[in-house]
């Protein structure tokens, strides 16, 4: 018997990451069955950690610099390199 047709999946799932970056390692192959909660990929942490450090430094600068700027309003340059 010979038949022609189209194969359709039972369901499709769109997978998204909360973080963007370079994929360091894939733990599954295309088309492979996976379970809920299973680790699929690992991102390169170098860029993510650098972005986190920059964000934390910026936050600390903004938090710590507010009182300094109010008390030194007439100076040319305040904390964190801001004019």
Protein backbone atom coordinates (compact mmCIF):
# COMPACT_ATOMS: atom_id res chain seq x y z
CA UNK A 1 0.00 0.00 0.00
CA UNK A 2 1.25 3.47 -0.87
CA UNK A 3 -0.25 6.67 0.43
CA UNK A 4 0.56 10.33 0.22
CA UNK A 5 -0.22 12.91 2.81
CA UNK A 6 1.06 15.42 5.25
CA UNK A 7 2.36 14.65 8.74
CA UNK A 8 1.19 17.10 11.42
CA UNK A 9 2.35 17.25 15.05
CA UNK A 10 -0.22 16.76 17.78
CA UNK A 11 0.82 20.09 19.30
CA UNK A 12 3.41 22.82 18.88
CA UNK A 13 5.17 24.62 21.69
CA UNK A 14 7.04 27.90 21.39
CA UNK A 15 10.07 28.04 23.68
CA UNK A 16 11.51 31.38 24.82
CA UNK A 17 14.25 32.33 27.21
CA UNK A 18 13.97 35.10 29.80
CA UNK A 19 17.57 36.07 29.01
CA UNK A 20 19.29 36.57 25.70
CA UNK A 21 22.85 35.54 24.97
CA UNK A 22 25.12 33.07 23.25
CA UNK A 23 24.17 29.41 23.62
CA UNK A 24 27.12 27.63 25.24
CA UNK A 25 25.71 24.10 25.24
CA UNK A 26 22.58 22.34 23.94
CA UNK A 27 21.31 19.41 25.98
CA UNK A 28 18.68 18.21 23.47
CA UNK A 29 18.49 17.69 19.73
CA UNK A 30 15.88 19.01 17.30
CA UNK A 31 12.77 16.83 17.42
CA UNK A 32 13.75 15.11 20.66
CA UNK A 33 11.09 14.50 23.32
CA UNK A 34 11.54 16.61 26.45
CA UNK A 35 9.91 16.76 29.86
CA UNK A 36 8.57 19.77 31.73
CA UNK A 37 11.39 21.44 33.69
CA UNK A 38 14.13 19.70 31.69
CA UNK A 39 17.23 21.81 30.99
CA UNK A 40 17.41 22.43 27.24
CA UNK A 41 20.34 24.78 26.82
CA UNK A 42 22.98 26.72 28.74
CA UNK A 43 23.86 30.32 27.93
CA UNK A 44 27.40 31.70 28.05
CA UNK A 45 27.57 33.44 31.42
CA UNK A 46 30.43 35.83 30.63
CA UNK A 47 28.24 38.41 28.86
CA UNK A 48 25.35 37.91 31.28
CA UNK A 49 27.56 38.42 34.33
CA UNK A 50 29.16 41.54 32.81
CA UNK A 51 25.71 43.01 32.08
CA UNK A 52 24.62 42.20 35.64
CA UNK A 53 27.69 43.90 37.14
CA UNK A 54 27.10 47.00 34.99
CA UNK A 55 23.43 47.13 36.01
CA UNK A 56 24.27 46.74 39.71
CA UNK A 57 26.94 49.47 39.49
CA UNK A 58 24.49 51.79 37.74
CA UNK A 59 21.84 51.12 40.38
CA UNK A 60 24.28 51.70 43.23
CA UNK A 61 25.44 54.92 41.58
CA UNK A 62 21.87 56.17 41.28
CA UNK A 63 20.93 55.17 44.82
CA UNK A 64 24.09 56.46 46.47
CA UNK A 65 24.49 59.54 44.33
CA UNK A 66 21.09 61.15 44.95
CA UNK A 67 21.97 62.74 48.31
CA UNK A 68 25.43 63.70 47.09
CA UNK A 69 24.06 65.60 44.11
CA UNK A 70 21.51 67.45 46.23
CA UNK A 71 24.16 68.61 48.70
CA UNK A 72 26.73 69.47 45.98
CA UNK A 73 24.48 71.11 43.41
CA UNK A 74 27.03 73.83 42.56
CA UNK A 75 30.00 71.53 41.83
CA UNK A 76 31.10 70.64 38.30
CA UNK A 77 31.02 66.88 38.64
CA UNK A 78 29.45 64.56 41.15
CA UNK A 79 29.77 60.88 41.88
CA UNK A 80 29.80 58.15 39.18
CA UNK A 81 31.20 60.37 36.46
CA UNK A 82 27.99 62.32 35.85
CA UNK A 83 28.32 66.06 35.20
